[in-house]
């Protein structure tokens, strides 16, 4: 399976601790940005493929694997 998205976490919201996820679509060049809590509703706006991709990687996202070097915890 060809990699379709590149994920980065540019920051973590200081108030609720939720990660902000940037997902670059490598085919179109469009970057989508959503909070971790919004991922489960992406299919409602026609981004089911992105939702599936992020959900498969959610354990890595929550563990900090995609955090940028400058991301403050």
PDB file of N, CA and C in Angstrom:
ATOM      1  N   UNK A   1       0.841  -1.182   0.000  1.00  0.00           N
ATOM      2  CA  UNK A   1       0.000   0.000   0.000  1.00  0.00           C
ATOM      3  C   UNK A   1       0.882   1.239   0.000  1.00  0.00           C
ATOM      4  N   UNK A   2       0.634   2.130  -0.917  1.00  0.00           N
ATOM      5  CA  UNK A   2       1.404   3.359  -1.021  1.00  0.00           C
ATOM      6  C   UNK A   2       0.988   4.343   0.071  1.00  0.00           C
ATOM      7  N   UNK A   3       1.962   4.988   0.671  1.00  0.00           N
ATOM      8  CA  UNK A   3       1.687   5.977   1.714  1.00  0.00           C
ATOM      9  C   UNK A   3       0.963   7.156   1.093  1.00  0.00           C
ATOM     10  N   UNK A   4      -0.196   7.536   1.674  1.00  0.00           N
ATOM     11  CA  UNK A   4      -0.998   8.603   1.111  1.00  0.00           C
ATOM     12  C   UNK A   4      -0.936   9.897   1.923  1.00  0.00           C
ATOM     13  N   UNK A   5      -0.671   9.800   3.214  1.00  0.00           N
ATOM     14  CA  UNK A   5      -0.661  10.973   4.078  1.00  0.00           C
ATOM     15  C   UNK A   5       0.643  11.052   4.856  1.00  0.00           C
ATOM     16  N   UNK A   6       1.031  12.275   5.212  1.00  0.00           N
ATOM     17  CA  UNK A   6       2.158  12.502   6.115  1.00  0.00           C
ATOM     18  C   UNK A   6       1.591  13.249   7.316  1.00  0.00           C
ATOM     19  N   UNK A   7       1.801  12.688   8.493  1.00  0.00           N
ATOM     20  CA  UNK A   7       1.222  13.236   9.721  1.00  0.00           C
ATOM     21  C   UNK A   7       2.290  13.970  10.527  1.00  0.00           C
ATOM     22  N   UNK A   8       1.926  15.144  11.045  1.00  0.00           N
ATOM     23  CA  UNK A   8       2.749  15.840  12.032  1.00  0.00           C
ATOM     24  C   UNK A   8       1.827  16.414  13.101  1.00  0.00           C
ATOM     25  N   UNK A   9       2.372  16.610  14.276  1.00  0.00           N
ATOM     26  CA  UNK A   9       1.647  17.217  15.393  1.00  0.00           C
ATOM     27  C   UNK A   9       2.369  18.516  15.731  1.00  0.00           C
ATOM     28  N   UNK A  10       1.906  19.661  15.186  1.00  0.00           N
ATOM     29  CA  UNK A  10       2.622  20.915  15.412  1.00  0.00           C
ATOM     30  C   UNK A  10       2.500  21.467  16.831  1.00  0.00           C
ATOM     31  N   UNK A  11       1.400  21.157  17.530  1.00  0.00           N
ATOM     32  CA  UNK A  11       1.270  21.632  18.909  1.00  0.00           C
ATOM     33  C   UNK A  11       0.239  20.813  19.675  1.00  0.00           C
ATOM     34  N   UNK A  12       0.317  20.940  20.991  1.00  0.00           N
ATOM     35  CA  UNK A  12      -0.656  20.319  21.882  1.00  0.00           C
ATOM     36  C   UNK A  12      -1.362  21.450  22.607  1.00  0.00           C
ATOM     37  N   UNK A  13      -2.696  21.431  22.577  1.00  0.00           N
ATOM     38  CA  UNK A  13      -3.497  22.472  23.224  1.00  0.00           C
ATOM     39  C   UNK A  13      -3.221  22.452  24.723  1.00  0.00           C
ATOM     40  N   UNK A  14      -2.804  23.572  25.250  1.00  0.00           N
ATOM     41  CA  UNK A  14      -2.449  23.651  26.668  1.00  0.00           C
ATOM     42  C   UNK A  14      -3.656  23.505  27.577  1.00  0.00           C
ATOM     43  N   UNK A  15      -4.829  23.899  27.110  1.00  0.00           N
ATOM     44  CA  UNK A  15      -6.015  23.849  27.968  1.00  0.00           C
ATOM     45  C   UNK A  15      -6.544  22.433  28.165  1.00  0.00           C
ATOM     46  N   UNK A  16      -6.755  21.713  27.077  1.00  0.00           N
ATOM     47  CA  UNK A  16      -7.342  20.377  27.216  1.00  0.00           C
ATOM     48  C   UNK A  16      -6.356  19.246  26.937  1.00  0.00           C
ATOM     49  N   UNK A  17      -5.135  19.575  26.553  1.00  0.00           N
ATOM     50  CA  UNK A  17      -4.122  18.558  26.320  1.00  0.00           C
ATOM     51  C   UNK A  17      -4.284  17.793  25.024  1.00  0.00           C
ATOM     52  N   UNK A  18      -5.242  18.190  24.168  1.00  0.00           N
ATOM     53  CA  UNK A  18      -5.481  17.500  22.903  1.00  0.00           C
ATOM     54  C   UNK A  18      -4.463  17.873  21.843  1.00  0.00           C
ATOM     55  N   UNK A  19      -4.051  16.892  21.074  1.00  0.00           N
ATOM     56  CA  UNK A  19      -3.082  17.139  20.002  1.00  0.00           C
ATOM     57  C   UNK A  19      -3.786  17.702  18.773  1.00  0.00           C
ATOM     58  N   UNK A  20      -3.114  18.627  18.090  1.00  0.00           N
ATOM     59  CA  UNK A  20      -3.571  19.140  16.811  1.00  0.00           C
ATOM     60  C   UNK A  20      -2.819  18.366  15.736  1.00  0.00           C
ATOM     61  N   UNK A  21      -3.546  17.739  14.839  1.00  0.00           N
ATOM     62  CA  UNK A  21      -2.954  16.857  13.835  1.00  0.00           C
ATOM     63  C   UNK A  21      -2.975  17.534  12.475  1.00  0.00           C
ATOM     64  N   UNK A  22      -1.816  17.661  11.856  1.00  0.00           N
ATOM     65  CA  UNK A  22      -1.700  18.086  10.462  1.00  0.00           C
ATOM     66  C   UNK A  22      -1.498  16.835   9.625  1.00  0.00           C
ATOM     67  N   UNK A  23      -2.341  16.645   8.629  1.00  0.00           N
ATOM     68  CA  UNK A  23      -2.205  15.493   7.739  1.00  0.00           C
ATOM     69  C   UNK A  23      -2.090  16.013   6.307  1.00  0.00           C
ATOM     70  N   UNK A  24      -0.913  15.861   5.730  1.00  0.00           N
ATOM     71  CA  UNK A  24      -0.660  16.289   4.363  1.00  0.00           C
ATOM     72  C   UNK A  24      -1.044  15.159   3.413  1.00  0.00           C
ATOM     73  N   UNK A  25      -1.960  15.438   2.489  1.00  0.00           N
ATOM     74  CA  UNK A  25      -2.329  14.473   1.449  1.00  0.00           C
ATOM     75  C   UNK A  25      -1.235  14.529   0.393  1.00  0.00           C
ATOM     76  N   UNK A  26      -0.463  13.471   0.280  1.00  0.00           N
ATOM     77  CA  UNK A  26       0.694  13.463  -0.612  1.00  0.00           C
ATOM     78  C   UNK A  26       0.316  13.472  -2.086  1.00  0.00           C
ATOM     79  N   UNK A  27      -0.916  13.119  -2.427  1.00  0.00           N
ATOM     80  CA  UNK A  27      -1.342  13.115  -3.820  1.00  0.00           C
ATOM     81  C   UNK A  27      -1.830  14.486  -4.290  1.00  0.00           C
ATOM     82  N   UNK A  28      -2.508  15.222  -3.404  1.00  0.00           N
ATOM     83  CA  UNK A  28      -3.072  16.519  -3.791  1.00  0.00           C
ATOM     84  C   UNK A  28      -2.272  17.705  -3.266  1.00  0.00           C
ATOM     85  N   UNK A  29      -1.467  17.495  -2.236  1.00  0.00           N
ATOM     86  CA  UNK A  29      -0.708  18.584  -1.631  1.00  0.00           C
ATOM     87  C   UNK A  29      -1.513  19.402  -0.634  1.00  0.00           C
ATOM     88  N   UNK A  30      -2.724  18.968  -0.312  1.00  0.00           N
ATOM     89  CA  UNK A  30      -3.585  19.671   0.643  1.00  0.00           C
ATOM     90  C   UNK A  30      -3.264  19.193   2.054  1.00  0.00           C
ATOM     91  N   UNK A  31      -3.124  20.144   2.981  1.00  0.00           N
ATOM     92  CA  UNK A  31      -2.901  19.810   4.385  1.00  0.00           C
ATOM     93  C   UNK A  31      -4.197  20.014   5.155  1.00  0.00           C
ATOM     94  N   UNK A  32      -4.613  18.970   5.850  1.00  0.00           N
ATOM     95  CA  UNK A  32      -5.809  19.023   6.689  1.00  0.00           C
ATOM     96  C   UNK A  32      -5.362  19.133   8.133  1.00  0.00           C
ATOM     97  N   UNK A  33      -6.037  19.976   8.905  1.00  0.00           N
ATOM     98  CA  UNK A  33      -5.685  20.151  10.309  1.00  0.00           C
ATOM     99  C   UNK A  33      -6.888  19.945  11.203  1.00  0.00           C
ATOM    100  N   UNK A  34      -6.764  19.033  12.144  1.00  0.00           N
ATOM    101  CA  UNK A  34      -7.858  18.718  13.055  1.00  0.00           C
ATOM    102  C   UNK A  34      -7.309  18.373  14.419  1.00  0.00           C
ATOM    103  N   UNK A  35      -8.131  18.624  15.448  1.00  0.00           N
ATOM    104  CA  UNK A  35      -7.795  18.168  16.780  1.00  0.00           C
ATOM    105  C   UNK A  35      -8.072  16.671  16.882  1.00  0.00           C
ATOM    106  N   UNK A  36      -7.347  16.024  17.744  1.00  0.00           N
ATOM    107  CA  UNK A  36      -7.483  14.584  17.976  1.00  0.00           C
ATOM    108  C   UNK A  36      -8.943  14.194  18.235  1.00  0.00           C
ATOM    109  N   UNK A  37      -9.672  15.022  18.971  1.00  0.00           N
ATOM    110  CA  UNK A  37     -11.070  14.730  19.314  1.00  0.00           C
ATOM    111  C   UNK A  37     -12.007  14.807  18.108  1.00  0.00           C
ATOM    112  N   UNK A  38     -11.587  15.432  17.015  1.00  0.00           N
ATOM    113  CA  UNK A  38     -12.429  15.592  15.827  1.00  0.00           C
ATOM    114  C   UNK A  38     -12.255  14.465  14.809  1.00  0.00           C
ATOM    115  N   UNK A  39     -11.274  13.612  14.990  1.00  0.00           N
ATOM    116  CA  UNK A  39     -10.939  12.602  13.981  1.00  0.00           C
ATOM    117  C   UNK A  39     -12.106  11.668  13.696  1.00  0.00           C
ATOM    118  N   UNK A  40     -12.833  11.241  14.706  1.00  0.00           N
ATOM    119  CA  UNK A  40     -13.931  10.280  14.511  1.00  0.00           C
ATOM    120  C   UNK A  40     -15.099  10.834  13.696  1.00  0.00           C
ATOM    121  N   UNK A  41     -15.139  12.120  13.456  1.00  0.00           N
ATOM    122  CA  UNK A  41     -16.249  12.691  12.687  1.00  0.00           C
ATOM    123  C   UNK A  41     -15.841  13.129  11.280  1.00  0.00           C
ATOM    124  N   UNK A  42     -14.650  12.780  10.823  1.00  0.00           N
ATOM    125  CA  UNK A  42     -14.192  13.210   9.500  1.00  0.00           C
ATOM    126  C   UNK A  42     -15.016  12.612   8.368  1.00  0.00           C
ATOM    127  N   UNK A  43     -15.590  11.425   8.575  1.00  0.00           N
ATOM    128  CA  UNK A  43     -16.402  10.821   7.515  1.00  0.00           C
ATOM    129  C   UNK A  43     -17.641  11.662   7.208  1.00  0.00           C
ATOM    130  N   UNK A  44     -18.104  12.439   8.172  1.00  0.00           N
ATOM    131  CA  UNK A  44     -19.286  13.285   7.981  1.00  0.00           C
ATOM    132  C   UNK A  44     -19.036  14.405   6.981  1.00  0.00           C
ATOM    133  N   UNK A  45     -17.775  14.783   6.802  1.00  0.00           N
ATOM    134  CA  UNK A  45     -17.464  15.855   5.850  1.00  0.00           C
ATOM    135  C   UNK A  45     -16.733  15.328   4.616  1.00  0.00           C
ATOM    136  N   UNK A  46     -16.864  14.013   4.392  1.00  0.00           N
ATOM    137  CA  UNK A  46     -16.310  13.414   3.181  1.00  0.00           C
ATOM    138  C   UNK A  46     -14.849  13.029   3.251  1.00  0.00           C
ATOM    139  N   UNK A  47     -14.302  12.908   4.444  1.00  0.00           N
ATOM    140  CA  UNK A  47     -12.893  12.554   4.604  1.00  0.00           C
ATOM    141  C   UNK A  47     -12.741  11.215   5.323  1.00  0.00           C
ATOM    142  N   UNK A  48     -13.538  10.240   4.909  1.00  0.00           N
ATOM    143  CA  UNK A  48     -13.513   8.921   5.523  1.00  0.00           C
ATOM    144  C   UNK A  48     -12.167   8.232   5.386  1.00  0.00           C
ATOM    145  N   UNK A  49     -11.512   8.412   4.251  1.00  0.00           N
ATOM    146  CA  UNK A  49     -10.205   7.780   4.036  1.00  0.00           C
ATOM    147  C   UNK A  49      -9.163   8.337   5.010  1.00  0.00           C
ATOM    148  N   UNK A  50      -9.207   9.660   5.234  1.00  0.00           N
ATOM    149  CA  UNK A  50      -8.300  10.283   6.205  1.00  0.00           C
ATOM    150  C   UNK A  50      -8.621   9.796   7.617  1.00  0.00           C
ATOM    151  N   UNK A  51      -9.902   9.700   7.941  1.00  0.00           N
ATOM    152  CA  UNK A  51     -10.304   9.204   9.258  1.00  0.00           C
ATOM    153  C   UNK A  51      -9.761   7.789   9.484  1.00  0.00           C
ATOM    154  N   UNK A  52      -9.917   6.913   8.510  1.00  0.00           N
ATOM    155  CA  UNK A  52      -9.426   5.542   8.643  1.00  0.00           C
ATOM    156  C   UNK A  52      -7.914   5.515   8.838  1.00  0.00           C
ATOM    157  N   UNK A  53      -7.202   6.324   8.078  1.00  0.00           N
ATOM    158  CA  UNK A  53      -5.742   6.390   8.173  1.00  0.00           C
ATOM    159  C   UNK A  53      -5.307   6.830   9.574  1.00  0.00           C
ATOM    160  N   UNK A  54      -5.945   7.897  10.071  1.00  0.00           N
ATOM    161  CA  UNK A  54      -5.585   8.414  11.390  1.00  0.00           C
ATOM    162  C   UNK A  54      -5.969   7.452  12.505  1.00  0.00           C
ATOM    163  N   UNK A  55      -7.114   6.789  12.381  1.00  0.00           N
ATOM    164  CA  UNK A  55      -7.543   5.854  13.420  1.00  0.00           C
ATOM    165  C   UNK A  55      -6.592   4.658  13.503  1.00  0.00           C
ATOM    166  N   UNK A  56      -6.060   4.205  12.368  1.00  0.00           N
ATOM    167  CA  UNK A  56      -5.096   3.103  12.377  1.00  0.00           C
ATOM    168  C   UNK A  56      -3.795   3.507  13.071  1.00  0.00           C
ATOM    169  N   UNK A  57      -3.521   4.795  13.105  1.00  0.00           N
ATOM    170  CA  UNK A  57      -2.280   5.286  13.707  1.00  0.00           C
ATOM    171  C   UNK A  57      -2.488   6.016  15.037  1.00  0.00           C
ATOM    172  N   UNK A  58      -3.709   5.982  15.552  1.00  0.00           N
ATOM    173  CA  UNK A  58      -4.027   6.748  16.758  1.00  0.00           C
ATOM    174  C   UNK A  58      -3.158   6.342  17.945  1.00  0.00           C
ATOM    175  N   UNK A  59      -2.802   5.067  18.083  1.00  0.00           N
ATOM    176  CA  UNK A  59      -1.948   4.664  19.213  1.00  0.00           C
ATOM    177  C   UNK A  59      -0.571   5.305  19.096  1.00  0.00           C
ATOM    178  N   UNK A  60      -0.079   5.498  17.871  1.00  0.00           N
ATOM    179  CA  UNK A  60       1.206   6.178  17.671  1.00  0.00           C
ATOM    180  C   UNK A  60       1.074   7.681  17.899  1.00  0.00           C
ATOM    181  N   UNK A  61      -0.044   8.239  17.468  1.00  0.00           N
ATOM    182  CA  UNK A  61      -0.293   9.674  17.659  1.00  0.00           C
ATOM    183  C   UNK A  61      -0.328   9.988  19.153  1.00  0.00           C
ATOM    184  N   UNK A  62      -1.076   9.197  19.916  1.00  0.00           N
ATOM    185  CA  UNK A  62      -1.215   9.444  21.353  1.00  0.00           C
ATOM    186  C   UNK A  62       0.092   9.235  22.108  1.00  0.00           C
ATOM    187  N   UNK A  63       0.956   8.375  21.594  1.00  0.00           N
ATOM    188  CA  UNK A  63       2.235   8.128  22.273  1.00  0.00           C
ATOM    189  C   UNK A  63       3.286   9.179  21.926  1.00  0.00           C
ATOM    190  N   UNK A  64       2.982  10.078  20.966  1.00  0.00           N
ATOM    191  CA  UNK A  64       3.905  11.154  20.629  1.00  0.00           C
ATOM    192  C   UNK A  64       4.829  10.862  19.466  1.00  0.00           C
ATOM    193  N   UNK A  65       4.589   9.789  18.726  1.00  0.00           N
ATOM    194  CA  UNK A  65       5.470   9.399  17.626  1.00  0.00           C
ATOM    195  C   UNK A  65       5.513  10.437  16.502  1.00  0.00           C
ATOM    196  N   UNK A  66       4.460  11.213  16.330  1.00  0.00           N
ATOM    197  CA  UNK A  66       4.399  12.193  15.246  1.00  0.00           C
ATOM    198  C   UNK A  66       4.605  13.629  15.711  1.00  0.00           C
ATOM    199  N   UNK A  67       4.930  13.818  16.996  1.00  0.00           N
ATOM    200  CA  UNK A  67       5.120  15.167  17.528  1.00  0.00           C
ATOM    201  C   UNK A  67       6.334  15.825  16.867  1.00  0.00           C
ATOM    202  N   UNK A  68       6.187  17.092  16.510  1.00  0.00           N
ATOM    203  CA  UNK A  68       7.318  17.865  15.986  1.00  0.00           C
ATOM    204  C   UNK A  68       8.330  18.076  17.108  1.00  0.00           C
ATOM    205  N   UNK A  69       9.551  18.344  16.751  1.00  0.00           N
ATOM    206  CA  UNK A  69      10.609  18.571  17.735  1.00  0.00           C
ATOM    207  C   UNK A  69      10.276  19.757  18.646  1.00  0.00           C
ATOM    208  N   UNK A  70       9.579  20.754  18.094  1.00  0.00           N
ATOM    209  CA  UNK A  70       9.254  21.958  18.867  1.00  0.00           C
ATOM    210  C   UNK A  70       7.956  21.840  19.657  1.00  0.00           C
ATOM    211  N   UNK A  71       7.240  20.712  19.537  1.00  0.00           N
ATOM    212  CA  UNK A  71       5.985  20.555  20.246  1.00  0.00           C
ATOM    213  C   UNK A  71       6.240  20.568  21.745  1.00  0.00           C
ATOM    214  N   UNK A  72       5.542  21.448  22.444  1.00  0.00           N
ATOM    215  CA  UNK A  72       5.702  21.541  23.898  1.00  0.00           C
ATOM    216  C   UNK A  72       4.634  20.716  24.570  1.00  0.00           C
ATOM    217  N   UNK A  73       5.018  19.972  25.597  1.00  0.00           N
ATOM    218  CA  UNK A  73       4.037  19.177  26.342  1.00  0.00           C
ATOM    219  C   UNK A  73       3.686  19.860  27.615  1.00  0.00           C
TER     220      UNK A  73
END
